Amino acid sequence: MSSFFRSARATMVGIAVLGAAACAGPTAGDDRTQPEEAPALAGFDPCTFFAPEELSSFGVGPEAEEFTPVSFEPGCKWNGEDMDLTFQKNEDESVQSYATSNWDSYTEAPLAGRTAAIAVPAGGTDQGVCEAVVDTGGGVVLYGITAAFGSSVDACGEVEAIAERTASRLPE
Protein backbone atom coordinates (compact mmCIF):
# COMPACT_ATOMS: atom_id res chain seq x y z
CA MET A 1 0.00 0.00 0.00
CA SER A 2 1.42 3.37 -0.90
CA SER A 3 2.07 5.99 1.71
CA PHE A 4 -0.67 8.15 0.15
CA PHE A 5 -3.31 5.43 0.70
CA ARG A 6 -2.07 4.74 4.26
CA SER A 7 -2.26 8.45 5.04
CA ALA A 8 -5.74 8.76 3.51
CA ARG A 9 -6.90 5.66 5.38
CA ALA A 10 -5.55 7.01 8.69
CA THR A 11 -7.31 10.30 8.08
CA MET A 12 -10.61 8.50 7.35
CA VAL A 13 -10.30 6.38 10.51
CA GLY A 14 -9.62 9.52 12.55
CA ILE A 15 -12.68 11.24 11.09
CA ALA A 16 -14.81 8.15 11.81
CA VAL A 17 -13.64 8.02 15.43
CA LEU A 18 -14.39 11.73 15.94
CA GLY A 19 -17.81 11.33 14.30
CA ALA A 20 -18.68 8.38 16.52
CA ALA A 21 -17.68 10.33 19.61
CA ALA A 22 -19.85 13.26 18.54
CA CYS A 23 -22.84 10.97 18.00
CA ALA A 24 -22.42 9.39 21.42
CA GLY A 25 -23.82 12.52 23.05
CA PRO A 26 -22.66 14.41 26.11
CA THR A 27 -20.42 12.82 28.68
CA ALA A 28 -20.98 12.55 32.41
CA GLY A 29 -20.68 15.90 34.11
CA ASP A 30 -21.85 17.74 31.01
CA ASP A 31 -24.78 20.04 31.86
CA ARG A 32 -26.68 18.75 28.84
CA THR A 33 -27.09 15.35 30.50
CA GLN A 34 -29.45 16.83 33.09
CA PRO A 35 -33.10 16.94 32.01
CA GLU A 36 -34.57 20.41 32.08
CA GLU A 37 -36.80 20.84 35.11
CA ALA A 38 -40.39 21.84 34.43
CA PRO A 39 -41.30 25.13 36.09
CA ALA A 40 -42.97 24.64 39.47
CA LEU A 41 -45.96 26.53 38.12
CA ALA A 42 -46.59 23.86 35.45
CA GLY A 43 -48.28 21.48 37.90
CA PHE A 44 -49.94 24.21 39.95
CA ASP A 45 -53.77 24.31 39.87
CA PRO A 46 -55.10 27.79 40.64
CA CYS A 47 -58.60 26.37 41.11
CA THR A 48 -57.63 24.38 44.21
CA PHE A 49 -55.26 26.89 45.83
CA PHE A 50 -57.71 28.53 48.26
CA ALA A 51 -59.30 26.66 51.16
CA PRO A 52 -63.11 26.97 51.42
CA GLU A 53 -62.83 28.88 54.72
CA GLU A 54 -60.41 31.35 53.09
CA LEU A 55 -62.83 31.98 50.25
CA SER A 56 -65.61 32.59 52.76
CA SER A 57 -63.42 35.05 54.66
CA PHE A 58 -62.80 36.91 51.39
CA GLY A 59 -66.56 37.26 50.88
CA VAL A 60 -66.89 34.85 47.95
CA GLY A 61 -68.48 31.43 47.64
CA PRO A 62 -66.54 28.15 47.67
CA GLU A 63 -67.62 27.03 44.18
CA ALA A 64 -64.94 27.64 41.57
CA GLU A 65 -65.90 28.38 37.97
CA GLU A 66 -63.38 28.02 35.17
CA PHE A 67 -62.03 31.43 34.21
CA THR A 68 -59.65 31.29 31.26
CA PRO A 69 -60.26 34.30 29.01
CA VAL A 70 -57.01 33.48 27.15
CA SER A 71 -55.55 29.98 26.77
CA PHE A 72 -52.17 30.85 28.29
CA GLU A 73 -53.72 32.10 31.57
CA PRO A 74 -55.82 29.27 32.99
CA GLY A 75 -57.62 29.86 36.25
CA CYS A 76 -60.85 30.07 38.18
CA LYS A 77 -63.37 32.58 39.46
CA TRP A 78 -65.33 32.73 42.70
CA ASN A 79 -68.45 34.88 42.98
CA GLY A 80 -69.57 36.92 45.96
CA GLU A 81 -72.32 39.38 46.72
CA ASP A 82 -70.03 42.43 46.75
CA MET A 83 -67.15 41.22 44.56
CA ASP A 84 -65.76 38.41 42.43
CA LEU A 85 -62.29 36.93 42.82
CA THR A 86 -60.25 35.51 39.93
CA PHE A 87 -57.00 33.59 40.20
CA GLN A 88 -54.92 32.60 37.17
CA LYS A 89 -51.41 31.51 36.27
CA ASN A 90 -49.11 32.35 33.37
CA GLU A 91 -45.98 30.22 32.96
CA ASP A 92 -44.30 32.53 30.44
CA GLU A 93 -44.41 35.99 32.01
CA SER A 94 -42.96 37.84 34.98
CA VAL A 95 -43.92 40.91 36.99
CA GLN A 96 -41.31 42.81 35.00
CA SER A 97 -42.58 41.65 31.59
CA TYR A 98 -46.19 42.45 32.53
CA ALA A 99 -45.15 46.04 33.24
CA THR A 100 -45.05 46.66 29.50
CA SER A 101 -48.68 45.55 29.03
CA ASN A 102 -51.55 47.98 28.67
CA TRP A 103 -52.54 49.16 32.18
CA ASP A 104 -54.12 52.30 33.59
CA SER A 105 -51.66 51.92 36.47
CA TYR A 106 -48.97 49.39 37.38
CA THR A 107 -47.18 49.79 40.72
CA GLU A 108 -44.47 47.31 41.62
CA ALA A 109 -44.30 46.52 45.33
CA PRO A 110 -43.43 43.29 47.15
CA LEU A 111 -46.25 41.13 48.47
CA ALA A 112 -45.61 38.36 51.00
CA GLY A 113 -41.90 38.71 50.30
CA ARG A 114 -42.27 38.20 46.54
CA THR A 115 -41.80 40.48 43.57
CA ALA A 116 -45.27 41.76 42.72
CA ALA A 117 -47.33 44.61 41.32
CA ILE A 118 -50.78 46.06 41.88
CA ALA A 119 -52.36 46.92 38.54
CA VAL A 120 -55.52 48.49 37.17
CA PRO A 121 -56.34 47.08 33.73
CA ALA A 122 -56.69 49.49 30.82
CA GLY A 123 -60.03 51.29 31.11
CA GLY A 124 -60.49 50.02 34.66
CA THR A 125 -59.85 53.21 36.63
CA ASP A 126 -62.88 53.94 38.84
CA GLN A 127 -64.53 50.72 37.56
CA GLY A 128 -63.88 48.55 40.63
CA VAL A 129 -61.31 46.24 39.04
CA CYS A 130 -57.77 45.55 40.16
CA GLU A 131 -55.15 42.82 39.86
CA ALA A 132 -52.11 41.67 41.80
CA VAL A 133 -49.38 40.14 39.63
CA VAL A 134 -46.99 37.98 41.67
CA ASP A 135 -43.78 36.22 40.53
CA THR A 136 -43.80 32.54 41.39
CA GLY A 137 -42.54 29.16 40.22
CA GLY A 138 -41.10 30.29 36.91
CA GLY A 139 -44.01 32.54 35.94
CA VAL A 140 -46.69 34.64 37.60
CA VAL A 141 -50.08 34.30 39.21
CA LEU A 142 -52.73 36.95 38.79
CA TYR A 143 -55.16 37.67 41.58
CA GLY A 144 -58.12 39.74 40.39
CA ILE A 145 -60.99 41.56 42.11
CA THR A 146 -64.05 42.92 40.37
CA ALA A 147 -66.37 44.87 42.67
CA ALA A 148 -70.11 44.47 42.15
CA PHE A 149 -71.87 47.48 40.71
CA GLY A 150 -72.81 49.84 43.52
CA SER A 151 -70.67 48.11 46.16
CA SER A 152 -68.16 50.01 48.26
CA VAL A 153 -65.39 47.41 47.77
CA ASP A 154 -61.91 48.86 47.28
CA ALA A 155 -60.77 46.42 44.57
CA CYS A 156 -57.06 47.25 44.85
CA GLY A 157 -57.14 47.16 48.65
CA GLU A 158 -58.90 43.77 48.62
CA VAL A 159 -56.65 42.18 46.00
CA GLU A 160 -53.54 43.42 47.80
CA ALA A 161 -54.79 42.01 51.14
CA ILE A 162 -55.66 38.61 49.62
CA ALA A 163 -52.31 38.34 47.83
CA GLU A 164 -50.39 39.43 50.93
CA ARG A 165 -52.20 36.82 53.00
CA THR A 166 -51.75 33.88 50.58
CA ALA A 167 -48.78 34.44 48.21
CA SER A 168 -46.27 32.92 50.62
CA ARG A 169 -47.82 29.50 49.82
CA LEU A 170 -47.23 29.79 46.07
CA PRO A 171 -44.67 27.49 44.40
CA GLU A 172 -41.07 28.72 44.42
C-alpha atoms as a PDB file:
ATOM      1  CA  MET A   1       0.000   0.000   0.000  1.00  0.00           C
ATOM      2  CA  SER A   2       1.419   3.369  -0.897  1.00  0.00           C
ATOM      3  CA  SER A   3       2.068   5.985   1.709  1.00  0.00           C
ATOM      4  CA  PHE A   4      -0.666   8.151   0.151  1.00  0.00           C
ATOM      5  CA  PHE A   5      -3.314   5.435   0.704  1.00  0.00           C
ATOM      6  CA  ARG A   6      -2.074   4.736   4.260  1.00  0.00           C
ATOM      7  CA  SER A   7      -2.260   8.450   5.039  1.00  0.00           C
ATOM      8  CA  ALA A   8      -5.740   8.761   3.511  1.00  0.00           C
ATOM      9  CA  ARG A   9      -6.905   5.662   5.378  1.00  0.00           C
ATOM     10  CA  ALA A  10      -5.549   7.007   8.694  1.00  0.00           C
ATOM     11  CA  THR A  11      -7.312  10.300   8.081  1.00  0.00           C
ATOM     12  CA  MET A  12     -10.607   8.504   7.348  1.00  0.00           C
ATOM     13  CA  VAL A  13     -10.297   6.379  10.512  1.00  0.00           C
ATOM     14  CA  GLY A  14      -9.622   9.524  12.549  1.00  0.00           C
ATOM     15  CA  ILE A  15     -12.680  11.237  11.093  1.00  0.00           C
ATOM     16  CA  ALA A  16     -14.807   8.150  11.807  1.00  0.00           C
ATOM     17  CA  VAL A  17     -13.638   8.019  15.435  1.00  0.00           C
ATOM     18  CA  LEU A  18     -14.393  11.731  15.936  1.00  0.00           C
ATOM     19  CA  GLY A  19     -17.810  11.328  14.296  1.00  0.00           C
ATOM     20  CA  ALA A  20     -18.676   8.380  16.516  1.00  0.00           C
ATOM     21  CA  ALA A  21     -17.676  10.332  19.612  1.00  0.00           C
ATOM     22  CA  ALA A  22     -19.849  13.259  18.542  1.00  0.00           C
ATOM     23  CA  CYS A  23     -22.842  10.974  18.003  1.00  0.00           C
ATOM     24  CA  ALA A  24     -22.422   9.391  21.418  1.00  0.00           C
ATOM     25  CA  GLY A  25     -23.822  12.522  23.051  1.00  0.00           C
ATOM     26  CA  PRO A  26     -22.663  14.407  26.111  1.00  0.00           C
ATOM     27  CA  THR A  27     -20.424  12.817  28.685  1.00  0.00           C
ATOM     28  CA  ALA A  28     -20.978  12.546  32.411  1.00  0.00           C
ATOM     29  CA  GLY A  29     -20.680  15.896  34.113  1.00  0.00           C
ATOM     30  CA  ASP A  30     -21.849  17.738  31.010  1.00  0.00           C
ATOM     31  CA  ASP A  31     -24.784  20.042  31.859  1.00  0.00           C
ATOM     32  CA  ARG A  32     -26.675  18.752  28.836  1.00  0.00           C
ATOM     33  CA  THR A  33     -27.087  15.346  30.501  1.00  0.00           C
ATOM     34  CA  GLN A  34     -29.451  16.832  33.090  1.00  0.00           C
ATOM     35  CA  PRO A  35     -33.095  16.943  32.007  1.00  0.00           C
ATOM     36  CA  GLU A  36     -34.573  20.406  32.083  1.00  0.00           C
ATOM     37  CA  GLU A  37     -36.799  20.842  35.110  1.00  0.00           C
ATOM     38  CA  ALA A  38     -40.389  21.836  34.429  1.00  0.00           C
ATOM     39  CA  PRO A  39     -41.298  25.126  36.089  1.00  0.00           C
ATOM     40  CA  ALA A  40     -42.971  24.642  39.470  1.00  0.00           C
ATOM     41  CA  LEU A  41     -45.963  26.528  38.115  1.00  0.00           C
ATOM     42  CA  ALA A  42     -46.589  23.861  35.448  1.00  0.00           C
ATOM     43  CA  GLY A  43     -48.281  21.485  37.905  1.00  0.00           C
ATOM     44  CA  PHE A  44     -49.942  24.215  39.952  1.00  0.00           C
ATOM     45  CA  ASP A  45     -53.765  24.307  39.868  1.00  0.00           C
ATOM     46  CA  PRO A  46     -55.105  27.789  40.636  1.00  0.00           C
ATOM     47  CA  CYS A  47     -58.604  26.375  41.112  1.00  0.00           C
ATOM     48  CA  THR A  48     -57.632  24.383  44.211  1.00  0.00           C
ATOM     49  CA  PHE A  49     -55.262  26.890  45.834  1.00  0.00           C
ATOM     50  CA  PHE A  50     -57.708  28.528  48.258  1.00  0.00           C
ATOM     51  CA  ALA A  51     -59.297  26.658  51.162  1.00  0.00           C
ATOM     52  CA  PRO A  52     -63.109  26.969  51.424  1.00  0.00           C
ATOM     53  CA  GLU A  53     -62.832  28.883  54.720  1.00  0.00           C
ATOM     54  CA  GLU A  54     -60.410  31.351  53.089  1.00  0.00           C
ATOM     55  CA  LEU A  55     -62.832  31.979  50.251  1.00  0.00           C
ATOM     56  CA  SER A  56     -65.605  32.585  52.757  1.00  0.00           C
ATOM     57  CA  SER A  57     -63.418  35.053  54.664  1.00  0.00           C
ATOM     58  CA  PHE A  58     -62.796  36.914  51.387  1.00  0.00           C
ATOM     59  CA  GLY A  59     -66.558  37.258  50.876  1.00  0.00           C
ATOM     60  CA  VAL A  60     -66.885  34.847  47.953  1.00  0.00           C
ATOM     61  CA  GLY A  61     -68.476  31.434  47.638  1.00  0.00           C
ATOM     62  CA  PRO A  62     -66.538  28.150  47.667  1.00  0.00           C
ATOM     63  CA  GLU A  63     -67.625  27.029  44.176  1.00  0.00           C
ATOM     64  CA  ALA A  64     -64.938  27.643  41.571  1.00  0.00           C
ATOM     65  CA  GLU A  65     -65.896  28.377  37.975  1.00  0.00           C
ATOM     66  CA  GLU A  66     -63.375  28.018  35.174  1.00  0.00           C
ATOM     67  CA  PHE A  67     -62.031  31.431  34.207  1.00  0.00           C
ATOM     68  CA  THR A  68     -59.648  31.295  31.260  1.00  0.00           C
ATOM     69  CA  PRO A  69     -60.257  34.301  29.008  1.00  0.00           C
ATOM     70  CA  VAL A  70     -57.009  33.483  27.151  1.00  0.00           C
ATOM     71  CA  SER A  71     -55.554  29.980  26.768  1.00  0.00           C
ATOM     72  CA  PHE A  72     -52.172  30.848  28.293  1.00  0.00           C
ATOM     73  CA  GLU A  73     -53.716  32.103  31.572  1.00  0.00           C
ATOM     74  CA  PRO A  74     -55.825  29.267  32.991  1.00  0.00           C
ATOM     75  CA  GLY A  75     -57.616  29.858  36.249  1.00  0.00           C
ATOM     76  CA  CYS A  76     -60.848  30.066  38.179  1.00  0.00           C
ATOM     77  CA  LYS A  77     -63.371  32.577  39.456  1.00  0.00           C
ATOM     78  CA  TRP A  78     -65.333  32.732  42.705  1.00  0.00           C
ATOM     79  CA  ASN A  79     -68.455  34.882  42.978  1.00  0.00           C
ATOM     80  CA  GLY A  80     -69.566  36.920  45.957  1.00  0.00           C
ATOM     81  CA  GLU A  81     -72.319  39.379  46.720  1.00  0.00           C
ATOM     82  CA  ASP A  82     -70.030  42.431  46.751  1.00  0.00           C
ATOM     83  CA  MET A  83     -67.149  41.220  44.558  1.00  0.00           C
ATOM     84  CA  ASP A  84     -65.762  38.412  42.429  1.00  0.00           C
ATOM     85  CA  LEU A  85     -62.285  36.928  42.823  1.00  0.00           C
ATOM     86  CA  THR A  86     -60.251  35.508  39.935  1.00  0.00           C
ATOM     87  CA  PHE A  87     -56.998  33.590  40.198  1.00  0.00           C
ATOM     88  CA  GLN A  88     -54.923  32.596  37.172  1.00  0.00           C
ATOM     89  CA  LYS A  89     -51.406  31.512  36.268  1.00  0.00           C
ATOM     90  CA  ASN A  90     -49.107  32.355  33.375  1.00  0.00           C
ATOM     91  CA  GLU A  91     -45.984  30.224  32.957  1.00  0.00           C
ATOM     92  CA  ASP A  92     -44.299  32.533  30.442  1.00  0.00           C
ATOM     93  CA  GLU A  93     -44.413  35.994  32.006  1.00  0.00           C
ATOM     94  CA  SER A  94     -42.962  37.839  34.980  1.00  0.00           C
ATOM     95  CA  VAL A  95     -43.916  40.908  36.994  1.00  0.00           C
ATOM     96  CA  GLN A  96     -41.309  42.815  35.001  1.00  0.00           C
ATOM     97  CA  SER A  97     -42.581  41.654  31.587  1.00  0.00           C
ATOM     98  CA  TYR A  98     -46.186  42.447  32.527  1.00  0.00           C
ATOM     99  CA  ALA A  99     -45.151  46.043  33.241  1.00  0.00           C
ATOM    100  CA  THR A 100     -45.045  46.658  29.497  1.00  0.00           C
ATOM    101  CA  SER A 101     -48.676  45.546  29.026  1.00  0.00           C
ATOM    102  CA  ASN A 102     -51.554  47.981  28.669  1.00  0.00           C
ATOM    103  CA  TRP A 103     -52.542  49.155  32.181  1.00  0.00           C
ATOM    104  CA  ASP A 104     -54.119  52.300  33.586  1.00  0.00           C
ATOM    105  CA  SER A 105     -51.659  51.916  36.474  1.00  0.00           C
ATOM    106  CA  TYR A 106     -48.968  49.393  37.384  1.00  0.00           C
ATOM    107  CA  THR A 107     -47.181  49.789  40.716  1.00  0.00           C
ATOM    108  CA  GLU A 108     -44.470  47.310  41.615  1.00  0.00           C
ATOM    109  CA  ALA A 109     -44.300  46.521  45.328  1.00  0.00           C
ATOM    110  CA  PRO A 110     -43.429  43.289  47.152  1.00  0.00           C
ATOM    111  CA  LEU A 111     -46.254  41.133  48.467  1.00  0.00           C
ATOM    112  CA  ALA A 112     -45.611  38.358  50.999  1.00  0.00           C
ATOM    113  CA  GLY A 113     -41.900  38.706  50.303  1.00  0.00           C
ATOM    114  CA  ARG A 114     -42.271  38.203  46.542  1.00  0.00           C
ATOM    115  CA  THR A 115     -41.799  40.478  43.569  1.00  0.00           C
ATOM    116  CA  ALA A 116     -45.270  41.764  42.723  1.00  0.00           C
ATOM    117  CA  ALA A 117     -47.330  44.609  41.322  1.00  0.00           C
ATOM    118  CA  ILE A 118     -50.785  46.063  41.877  1.00  0.00           C
ATOM    119  CA  ALA A 119     -52.355  46.920  38.538  1.00  0.00           C
ATOM    120  CA  VAL A 120     -55.518  48.485  37.173  1.00  0.00           C
ATOM    121  CA  PRO A 121     -56.337  47.083  33.726  1.00  0.00           C
ATOM    122  CA  ALA A 122     -56.694  49.492  30.820  1.00  0.00           C
ATOM    123  CA  GLY A 123     -60.029  51.286  31.108  1.00  0.00           C
ATOM    124  CA  GLY A 124     -60.486  50.019  34.664  1.00  0.00           C
ATOM    125  CA  THR A 125     -59.848  53.206  36.627  1.00  0.00           C
ATOM    126  CA  ASP A 126     -62.884  53.939  38.836  1.00  0.00           C
ATOM    127  CA  GLN A 127     -64.533  50.721  37.563  1.00  0.00           C
ATOM    128  CA  GLY A 128     -63.876  48.546  40.630  1.00  0.00           C
ATOM    129  CA  VAL A 129     -61.311  46.240  39.040  1.00  0.00           C
ATOM    130  CA  CYS A 130     -57.770  45.554  40.156  1.00  0.00           C
ATOM    131  CA  GLU A 131     -55.147  42.817  39.861  1.00  0.00           C
ATOM    132  CA  ALA A 132     -52.115  41.672  41.797  1.00  0.00           C
ATOM    133  CA  VAL A 133     -49.382  40.141  39.627  1.00  0.00           C
ATOM    134  CA  VAL A 134     -46.991  37.977  41.670  1.00  0.00           C
ATOM    135  CA  ASP A 135     -43.783  36.224  40.528  1.00  0.00           C
ATOM    136  CA  THR A 136     -43.800  32.539  41.390  1.00  0.00           C
ATOM    137  CA  GLY A 137     -42.544  29.157  40.223  1.00  0.00           C
ATOM    138  CA  GLY A 138     -41.101  30.286  36.906  1.00  0.00           C
ATOM    139  CA  GLY A 139     -44.008  32.545  35.936  1.00  0.00           C
ATOM    140  CA  VAL A 140     -46.695  34.635  37.603  1.00  0.00           C
ATOM    141  CA  VAL A 141     -50.083  34.298  39.208  1.00  0.00           C
ATOM    142  CA  LEU A 142     -52.733  36.946  38.790  1.00  0.00           C
ATOM    143  CA  TYR A 143     -55.163  37.674  41.583  1.00  0.00           C
ATOM    144  CA  GLY A 144     -58.119  39.743  40.391  1.00  0.00           C
ATOM    145  CA  ILE A 145     -60.992  41.558  42.107  1.00  0.00           C
ATOM    146  CA  THR A 146     -64.051  42.921  40.372  1.00  0.00           C
ATOM    147  CA  ALA A 147     -66.368  44.867  42.665  1.00  0.00           C
ATOM    148  CA  ALA A 148     -70.107  44.472  42.155  1.00  0.00           C
ATOM    149  CA  PHE A 149     -71.868  47.484  40.706  1.00  0.00           C
ATOM    150  CA  GLY A 150     -72.814  49.837  43.522  1.00  0.00           C
ATOM    151  CA  SER A 151     -70.672  48.107  46.163  1.00  0.00           C
ATOM    152  CA  SER A 152     -68.156  50.013  48.261  1.00  0.00           C
ATOM    153  CA  VAL A 153     -65.390  47.413  47.770  1.00  0.00           C
ATOM    154  CA  ASP A 154     -61.905  48.865  47.281  1.00  0.00           C
ATOM    155  CA  ALA A 155     -60.767  46.420  44.573  1.00  0.00           C
ATOM    156  CA  CYS A 156     -57.061  47.251  44.855  1.00  0.00           C
ATOM    157  CA  GLY A 157     -57.142  47.155  48.654  1.00  0.00           C
ATOM    158  CA  GLU A 158     -58.904  43.767  48.618  1.00  0.00           C
ATOM    159  CA  VAL A 159     -56.649  42.181  46.004  1.00  0.00           C
ATOM    160  CA  GLU A 160     -53.539  43.418  47.804  1.00  0.00           C
ATOM    161  CA  ALA A 161     -54.791  42.012  51.137  1.00  0.00           C
ATOM    162  CA  ILE A 162     -55.659  38.614  49.624  1.00  0.00           C
ATOM    163  CA  ALA A 163     -52.309  38.345  47.832  1.00  0.00           C
ATOM    164  CA  GLU A 164     -50.386  39.434  50.928  1.00  0.00           C
ATOM    165  CA  ARG A 165     -52.203  36.821  52.995  1.00  0.00           C
ATOM    166  CA  THR A 166     -51.751  33.882  50.580  1.00  0.00           C
ATOM    167  CA  ALA A 167     -48.776  34.438  48.209  1.00  0.00           C
ATOM    168  CA  SER A 168     -46.268  32.920  50.620  1.00  0.00           C
ATOM    169  CA  ARG A 169     -47.820  29.504  49.822  1.00  0.00           C
ATOM    170  CA  LEU A 170     -47.226  29.788  46.072  1.00  0.00           C
ATOM    171  CA  PRO A 171     -44.670  27.488  44.404  1.00  0.00           C
ATOM    172  CA  GLU A 172     -41.069  28.717  44.424  1.00  0.00           C
END
